PDB file of all heavy atoms in Angstrom:
ATOM      1  N   LYS A   1       0.856  -1.180   0.000  1.00  0.00           N
ATOM      2  CA  LYS A   1       0.000   0.000   0.000  1.00  0.00           C
ATOM      3  C   LYS A   1       0.890   1.226   0.000  1.00  0.00           C
ATOM      4  O   LYS A   1       1.506   1.551   1.020  1.00  0.00           O
ATOM      5  CB  LYS A   1      -0.929   0.003   1.212  1.00  0.00           C
ATOM      6  CG  LYS A   1      -1.973   1.120   1.174  1.00  0.00           C
ATOM      7  CD  LYS A   1      -2.975   0.958   2.301  1.00  0.00           C
ATOM      8  CE  LYS A   1      -4.048   2.037   2.229  1.00  0.00           C
ATOM      9  NZ  LYS A   1      -5.029   1.913   3.332  1.00  0.00           N
ATOM     10  N   PRO A   2       1.012   1.891  -1.142  1.00  0.00           N
ATOM     11  CA  PRO A   2       1.907   3.054  -1.233  1.00  0.00           C
ATOM     12  C   PRO A   2       1.643   4.040  -0.097  1.00  0.00           C
ATOM     13  O   PRO A   2       0.481   4.245   0.277  1.00  0.00           O
ATOM     14  CB  PRO A   2       1.552   3.659  -2.595  1.00  0.00           C
ATOM     15  CG  PRO A   2       1.041   2.478  -3.384  1.00  0.00           C
ATOM     16  CD  PRO A   2       0.302   1.631  -2.385  1.00  0.00           C
ATOM     17  N   PRO A   3       2.715   4.576   0.494  1.00  0.00           N
ATOM     18  CA  PRO A   3       4.128   4.481   0.071  1.00  0.00           C
ATOM     19  C   PRO A   3       4.912   3.324   0.691  1.00  0.00           C
ATOM     20  O   PRO A   3       6.128   3.407   0.793  1.00  0.00           O
ATOM     21  CB  PRO A   3       4.695   5.811   0.555  1.00  0.00           C
ATOM     22  CG  PRO A   3       3.944   6.068   1.837  1.00  0.00           C
ATOM     23  CD  PRO A   3       2.559   5.544   1.616  1.00  0.00           C
ATOM     24  N   GLY A   4       4.217   2.252   1.121  1.00  0.00           N
ATOM     25  CA  GLY A   4       4.956   1.171   1.759  1.00  0.00           C
ATOM     26  C   GLY A   4       4.150  -0.099   1.861  1.00  0.00           C
ATOM     27  O   GLY A   4       3.509  -0.529   0.896  1.00  0.00           O
ATOM     28  N   TYR A   5       4.129  -0.667   3.065  1.00  0.00           N
ATOM     29  CA  TYR A   5       3.472  -1.951   3.294  1.00  0.00           C
ATOM     30  C   TYR A   5       2.724  -1.896   4.614  1.00  0.00           C
ATOM     31  O   TYR A   5       3.086  -1.156   5.531  1.00  0.00           O
ATOM     32  CB  TYR A   5       4.507  -3.082   3.344  1.00  0.00           C
ATOM     33  CG  TYR A   5       5.347  -3.165   2.089  1.00  0.00           C
ATOM     34  CD1 TYR A   5       6.563  -2.474   1.998  1.00  0.00           C
ATOM     35  CD2 TYR A   5       4.937  -3.910   0.986  1.00  0.00           C
ATOM     36  CE1 TYR A   5       7.331  -2.523   0.845  1.00  0.00           C
ATOM     37  CE2 TYR A   5       5.704  -3.969  -0.174  1.00  0.00           C
ATOM     38  CZ  TYR A   5       6.896  -3.272  -0.234  1.00  0.00           C
ATOM     39  OH  TYR A   5       7.651  -3.323  -1.389  1.00  0.00           O
ATOM     40  N   VAL A   6       1.665  -2.721   4.715  1.00  0.00           N
ATOM     41  CA  VAL A   6       0.872  -2.769   5.937  1.00  0.00           C
ATOM     42  C   VAL A   6       0.646  -4.218   6.334  1.00  0.00           C
ATOM     43  O   VAL A   6       0.311  -5.057   5.506  1.00  0.00           O
ATOM     44  CB  VAL A   6      -0.474  -2.022   5.764  1.00  0.00           C
ATOM     45  CG1 VAL A   6      -1.261  -2.554   4.582  1.00  0.00           C
ATOM     46  CG2 VAL A   6      -1.291  -2.091   7.046  1.00  0.00           C
ATOM     47  N   LEU A   7       0.885  -4.510   7.608  1.00  0.00           N
ATOM     48  CA  LEU A   7       0.651  -5.845   8.149  1.00  0.00           C
ATOM     49  C   LEU A   7      -0.686  -5.814   8.880  1.00  0.00           C
ATOM     50  O   LEU A   7      -0.847  -5.125   9.882  1.00  0.00           O
ATOM     51  CB  LEU A   7       1.775  -6.229   9.118  1.00  0.00           C
ATOM     52  CG  LEU A   7       1.740  -7.654   9.673  1.00  0.00           C
ATOM     53  CD1 LEU A   7       1.952  -8.672   8.547  1.00  0.00           C
ATOM     54  CD2 LEU A   7       2.802  -7.841  10.751  1.00  0.00           C
ATOM     55  N   HIS A   8      -1.650  -6.555   8.362  1.00  0.00           N
ATOM     56  CA  HIS A   8      -3.009  -6.516   8.898  1.00  0.00           C
ATOM     57  C   HIS A   8      -3.147  -7.454  10.090  1.00  0.00           C
ATOM     58  O   HIS A   8      -3.666  -8.565   9.985  1.00  0.00           O
ATOM     59  CB  HIS A   8      -4.020  -6.870   7.803  1.00  0.00           C
ATOM     60  CG  HIS A   8      -4.164  -5.810   6.759  1.00  0.00           C
ATOM     61  ND1 HIS A   8      -4.702  -4.570   7.032  1.00  0.00           N
ATOM     62  CD2 HIS A   8      -3.815  -5.792   5.446  1.00  0.00           C
ATOM     63  CE1 HIS A   8      -4.698  -3.833   5.936  1.00  0.00           C
ATOM     64  NE2 HIS A   8      -4.163  -4.549   4.961  1.00  0.00           N
ATOM     65  N   VAL A   9      -2.660  -7.003  11.220  1.00  0.00           N
ATOM     66  CA  VAL A   9      -2.871  -7.694  12.489  1.00  0.00           C
ATOM     67  C   VAL A   9      -3.396  -6.662  13.480  1.00  0.00           C
ATOM     68  O   VAL A   9      -3.192  -5.458  13.312  1.00  0.00           O
ATOM     69  CB  VAL A   9      -1.585  -8.355  13.020  1.00  0.00           C
ATOM     70  CG1 VAL A   9      -1.061  -9.395  12.041  1.00  0.00           C
ATOM     71  CG2 VAL A   9      -0.515  -7.320  13.334  1.00  0.00           C
ATOM     72  N   ALA A  10      -4.067  -7.143  14.509  1.00  0.00           N
ATOM     73  CA  ALA A  10      -4.618  -6.250  15.529  1.00  0.00           C
ATOM     74  C   ALA A  10      -3.580  -5.961  16.598  1.00  0.00           C
ATOM     75  O   ALA A  10      -2.754  -6.819  16.934  1.00  0.00           O
ATOM     76  CB  ALA A  10      -5.857  -6.878  16.153  1.00  0.00           C
ATOM     77  N   SER A  11      -3.628  -4.754  17.157  1.00  0.00           N
ATOM     78  CA  SER A  11      -2.681  -4.408  18.210  1.00  0.00           C
ATOM     79  C   SER A  11      -2.831  -5.338  19.417  1.00  0.00           C
ATOM     80  O   SER A  11      -1.867  -5.573  20.154  1.00  0.00           O
ATOM     81  CB  SER A  11      -2.870  -2.947  18.635  1.00  0.00           C
ATOM     82  OG  SER A  11      -4.167  -2.733  19.165  1.00  0.00           O
ATOM     83  N   ALA A  12      -4.034  -5.899  19.615  1.00  0.00           N
ATOM     84  CA  ALA A  12      -4.262  -6.805  20.737  1.00  0.00           C
ATOM     85  C   ALA A  12      -3.441  -8.087  20.630  1.00  0.00           C
ATOM     86  O   ALA A  12      -3.273  -8.810  21.616  1.00  0.00           O
ATOM     87  CB  ALA A  12      -5.744  -7.164  20.828  1.00  0.00           C
ATOM     88  N   GLN A  13      -2.926  -8.380  19.443  1.00  0.00           N
ATOM     89  CA  GLN A  13      -2.117  -9.582  19.245  1.00  0.00           C
ATOM     90  C   GLN A  13      -0.649  -9.365  19.611  1.00  0.00           C
ATOM     91  O   GLN A  13       0.133 -10.318  19.590  1.00  0.00           O
ATOM     92  CB  GLN A  13      -2.199 -10.029  17.783  1.00  0.00           C
ATOM     93  CG  GLN A  13      -3.580 -10.475  17.335  1.00  0.00           C
ATOM     94  CD  GLN A  13      -3.630 -10.709  15.826  1.00  0.00           C
ATOM     95  OE1 GLN A  13      -4.121  -9.888  15.073  1.00  0.00           O
ATOM     96  NE2 GLN A  13      -3.102 -11.826  15.396  1.00  0.00           N
ATOM     97  N   ILE A  14      -0.266  -8.133  19.935  1.00  0.00           N
ATOM     98  CA  ILE A  14       1.142  -7.785  20.142  1.00  0.00           C
ATOM     99  C   ILE A  14       1.350  -7.377  21.595  1.00  0.00           C
ATOM    100  O   ILE A  14       0.644  -6.506  22.125  1.00  0.00           O
ATOM    101  CB  ILE A  14       1.553  -6.643  19.194  1.00  0.00           C
ATOM    102  CG1 ILE A  14       1.249  -7.031  17.738  1.00  0.00           C
ATOM    103  CG2 ILE A  14       3.033  -6.322  19.349  1.00  0.00           C
ATOM    104  CD1 ILE A  14       1.395  -5.890  16.756  1.00  0.00           C
ATOM    105  N   ASP A  15       2.322  -7.975  22.256  1.00  0.00           N
ATOM    106  CA  ASP A  15       2.495  -7.762  23.692  1.00  0.00           C
ATOM    107  C   ASP A  15       2.803  -6.317  24.065  1.00  0.00           C
ATOM    108  O   ASP A  15       2.428  -5.856  25.145  1.00  0.00           O
ATOM    109  CB  ASP A  15       3.556  -8.717  24.263  1.00  0.00           C
ATOM    110  CG  ASP A  15       4.941  -8.543  23.645  1.00  0.00           C
ATOM    111  OD1 ASP A  15       5.105  -7.763  22.688  1.00  0.00           O
ATOM    112  OD2 ASP A  15       5.874  -9.250  24.109  1.00  0.00           O
ATOM    113  N   VAL A  16       3.472  -5.581  23.196  1.00  0.00           N
ATOM    114  CA  VAL A  16       3.806  -4.184  23.507  1.00  0.00           C
ATOM    115  C   VAL A  16       2.551  -3.371  23.807  1.00  0.00           C
ATOM    116  O   VAL A  16       2.519  -2.576  24.757  1.00  0.00           O
ATOM    117  CB  VAL A  16       4.579  -3.537  22.341  1.00  0.00           C
ATOM    118  CG1 VAL A  16       4.631  -2.024  22.498  1.00  0.00           C
ATOM    119  CG2 VAL A  16       5.987  -4.082  22.269  1.00  0.00           C
ATOM    120  N   PHE A  17       1.514  -3.592  23.020  1.00  0.00           N
ATOM    121  CA  PHE A  17       0.303  -2.788  23.186  1.00  0.00           C
ATOM    122  C   PHE A  17      -0.470  -3.210  24.432  1.00  0.00           C
ATOM    123  O   PHE A  17      -1.105  -2.370  25.088  1.00  0.00           O
ATOM    124  CB  PHE A  17      -0.537  -2.869  21.913  1.00  0.00           C
ATOM    125  CG  PHE A  17       0.167  -2.295  20.723  1.00  0.00           C
ATOM    126  CD1 PHE A  17       0.907  -3.100  19.864  1.00  0.00           C
ATOM    127  CD2 PHE A  17       0.139  -0.930  20.484  1.00  0.00           C
ATOM    128  CE1 PHE A  17       1.590  -2.562  18.786  1.00  0.00           C
ATOM    129  CE2 PHE A  17       0.823  -0.374  19.402  1.00  0.00           C
ATOM    130  CZ  PHE A  17       1.554  -1.195  18.554  1.00  0.00           C
ATOM    131  N   ALA A  18      -0.387  -4.492  24.796  1.00  0.00           N
ATOM    132  CA  ALA A  18      -0.975  -4.927  26.070  1.00  0.00           C
ATOM    133  C   ALA A  18      -0.223  -4.292  27.233  1.00  0.00           C
ATOM    134  O   ALA A  18      -0.829  -3.845  28.218  1.00  0.00           O
ATOM    135  CB  ALA A  18      -0.942  -6.447  26.168  1.00  0.00           C
ATOM    136  N   PHE A  19       1.106  -4.254  27.140  1.00  0.00           N
ATOM    137  CA  PHE A  19       1.927  -3.602  28.162  1.00  0.00           C
ATOM    138  C   PHE A  19       1.506  -2.147  28.337  1.00  0.00           C
ATOM    139  O   PHE A  19       1.336  -1.656  29.470  1.00  0.00           O
ATOM    140  CB  PHE A  19       3.396  -3.695  27.758  1.00  0.00           C
ATOM    141  CG  PHE A  19       4.319  -2.760  28.489  1.00  0.00           C
ATOM    142  CD1 PHE A  19       4.656  -2.992  29.815  1.00  0.00           C
ATOM    143  CD2 PHE A  19       4.856  -1.650  27.851  1.00  0.00           C
ATOM    144  CE1 PHE A  19       5.499  -2.131  30.497  1.00  0.00           C
ATOM    145  CE2 PHE A  19       5.710  -0.780  28.516  1.00  0.00           C
ATOM    146  CZ  PHE A  19       6.027  -1.025  29.843  1.00  0.00           C
ATOM    147  N   GLN A  20       1.321  -1.443  27.246  1.00  0.00           N
ATOM    148  CA  GLN A  20       0.954  -0.031  27.315  1.00  0.00           C
ATOM    149  C   GLN A  20      -0.462   0.169  27.851  1.00  0.00           C
ATOM    150  O   GLN A  20      -0.718   1.115  28.592  1.00  0.00           O
ATOM    151  CB  GLN A  20       1.135   0.615  25.943  1.00  0.00           C
ATOM    152  CG  GLN A  20       2.598   0.690  25.520  1.00  0.00           C
ATOM    153  CD  GLN A  20       2.797   1.106  24.080  1.00  0.00           C
ATOM    154  OE1 GLN A  20       1.869   1.034  23.253  1.00  0.00           O
ATOM    155  NE2 GLN A  20       4.005   1.541  23.749  1.00  0.00           N
ATOM    156  N   ARG A  21      -1.369  -0.748  27.509  1.00  0.00           N
ATOM    157  CA  ARG A  21      -2.742  -0.648  28.032  1.00  0.00           C
ATOM    158  C   ARG A  21      -2.765  -0.857  29.547  1.00  0.00           C
ATOM    159  O   ARG A  21      -3.420  -0.114  30.280  1.00  0.00           O
ATOM    160  CB  ARG A  21      -3.649  -1.667  27.345  1.00  0.00           C
ATOM    161  CG  ARG A  21      -4.075  -1.272  25.929  1.00  0.00           C
ATOM    162  CD  ARG A  21      -5.216  -2.151  25.440  1.00  0.00           C
ATOM    163  NE  ARG A  21      -4.849  -3.566  25.388  1.00  0.00           N
ATOM    164  CZ  ARG A  21      -4.251  -4.151  24.356  1.00  0.00           C
ATOM    165  NH1 ARG A  21      -3.928  -3.438  23.285  1.00  0.00           N
ATOM    166  NH2 ARG A  21      -3.970  -5.436  24.372  1.00  0.00           N
ATOM    167  N   PHE A  22      -2.051  -1.871  30.019  1.00  0.00           N
ATOM    168  CA  PHE A  22      -1.977  -2.098  31.465  1.00  0.00           C
ATOM    169  C   PHE A  22      -1.340  -0.895  32.158  1.00  0.00           C
ATOM    170  O   PHE A  22      -1.761  -0.497  33.254  1.00  0.00           O
ATOM    171  CB  PHE A  22      -1.173  -3.354  31.776  1.00  0.00           C
ATOM    172  CG  PHE A  22      -1.937  -4.641  31.633  1.00  0.00           C
ATOM    173  CD1 PHE A  22      -1.463  -5.658  30.824  1.00  0.00           C
ATOM    174  CD2 PHE A  22      -3.122  -4.847  32.332  1.00  0.00           C
ATOM    175  CE1 PHE A  22      -2.148  -6.858  30.701  1.00  0.00           C
ATOM    176  CE2 PHE A  22      -3.822  -6.034  32.212  1.00  0.00           C
ATOM    177  CZ  PHE A  22      -3.337  -7.045  31.396  1.00  0.00           C
ATOM    178  N   GLY A  23      -0.297  -0.333  31.538  1.00  0.00           N
ATOM    179  CA  GLY A  23       0.370   0.821  32.126  1.00  0.00           C
ATOM    180  C   GLY A  23      -0.570   2.014  32.246  1.00  0.00           C
ATOM    181  O   GLY A  23      -0.594   2.691  33.288  1.00  0.00           O
ATOM    182  N   GLN A  24      -1.370   2.265  31.221  1.00  0.00           N
ATOM    183  CA  GLN A  24      -2.312   3.378  31.260  1.00  0.00           C
ATOM    184  C   GLN A  24      -3.411   3.115  32.289  1.00  0.00           C
ATOM    185  O   GLN A  24      -3.830   4.025  33.019  1.00  0.00           O
ATOM    186  CB  GLN A  24      -2.937   3.604  29.881  1.00  0.00           C
ATOM    187  CG  GLN A  24      -3.854   4.814  29.811  1.00  0.00           C
ATOM    188  CD  GLN A  24      -3.167   6.084  30.293  1.00  0.00           C
ATOM    189  OE1 GLN A  24      -2.116   6.468  29.798  1.00  0.00           O
ATOM    190  NE2 GLN A  24      -3.757   6.743  31.296  1.00  0.00           N
ATOM    191  N   GLN A  25      -3.847   1.868  32.363  1.00  0.00           N
ATOM    192  CA  GLN A  25      -4.840   1.510  33.370  1.00  0.00           C
ATOM    193  C   GLN A  25      -4.289   1.770  34.777  1.00  0.00           C
ATOM    194  O   GLN A  25      -4.993   2.314  35.639  1.00  0.00           O
ATOM    195  CB  GLN A  25      -5.215   0.038  33.222  1.00  0.00           C
ATOM    196  CG  GLN A  25      -6.242  -0.453  34.236  1.00  0.00           C
ATOM    197  CD  GLN A  25      -6.496  -1.954  34.123  1.00  0.00           C
ATOM    198  OE1 GLN A  25      -5.950  -2.634  33.259  1.00  0.00           O
ATOM    199  NE2 GLN A  25      -7.326  -2.481  35.000  1.00  0.00           N
TER     200      GLN A  25
END
């Protein structure tokens, strides 16, 4: 997808975003 590439996965599948959600909570 110009100008690059997109990986269609949900942020919920990636531990970094869970870490950040718990931190904000």
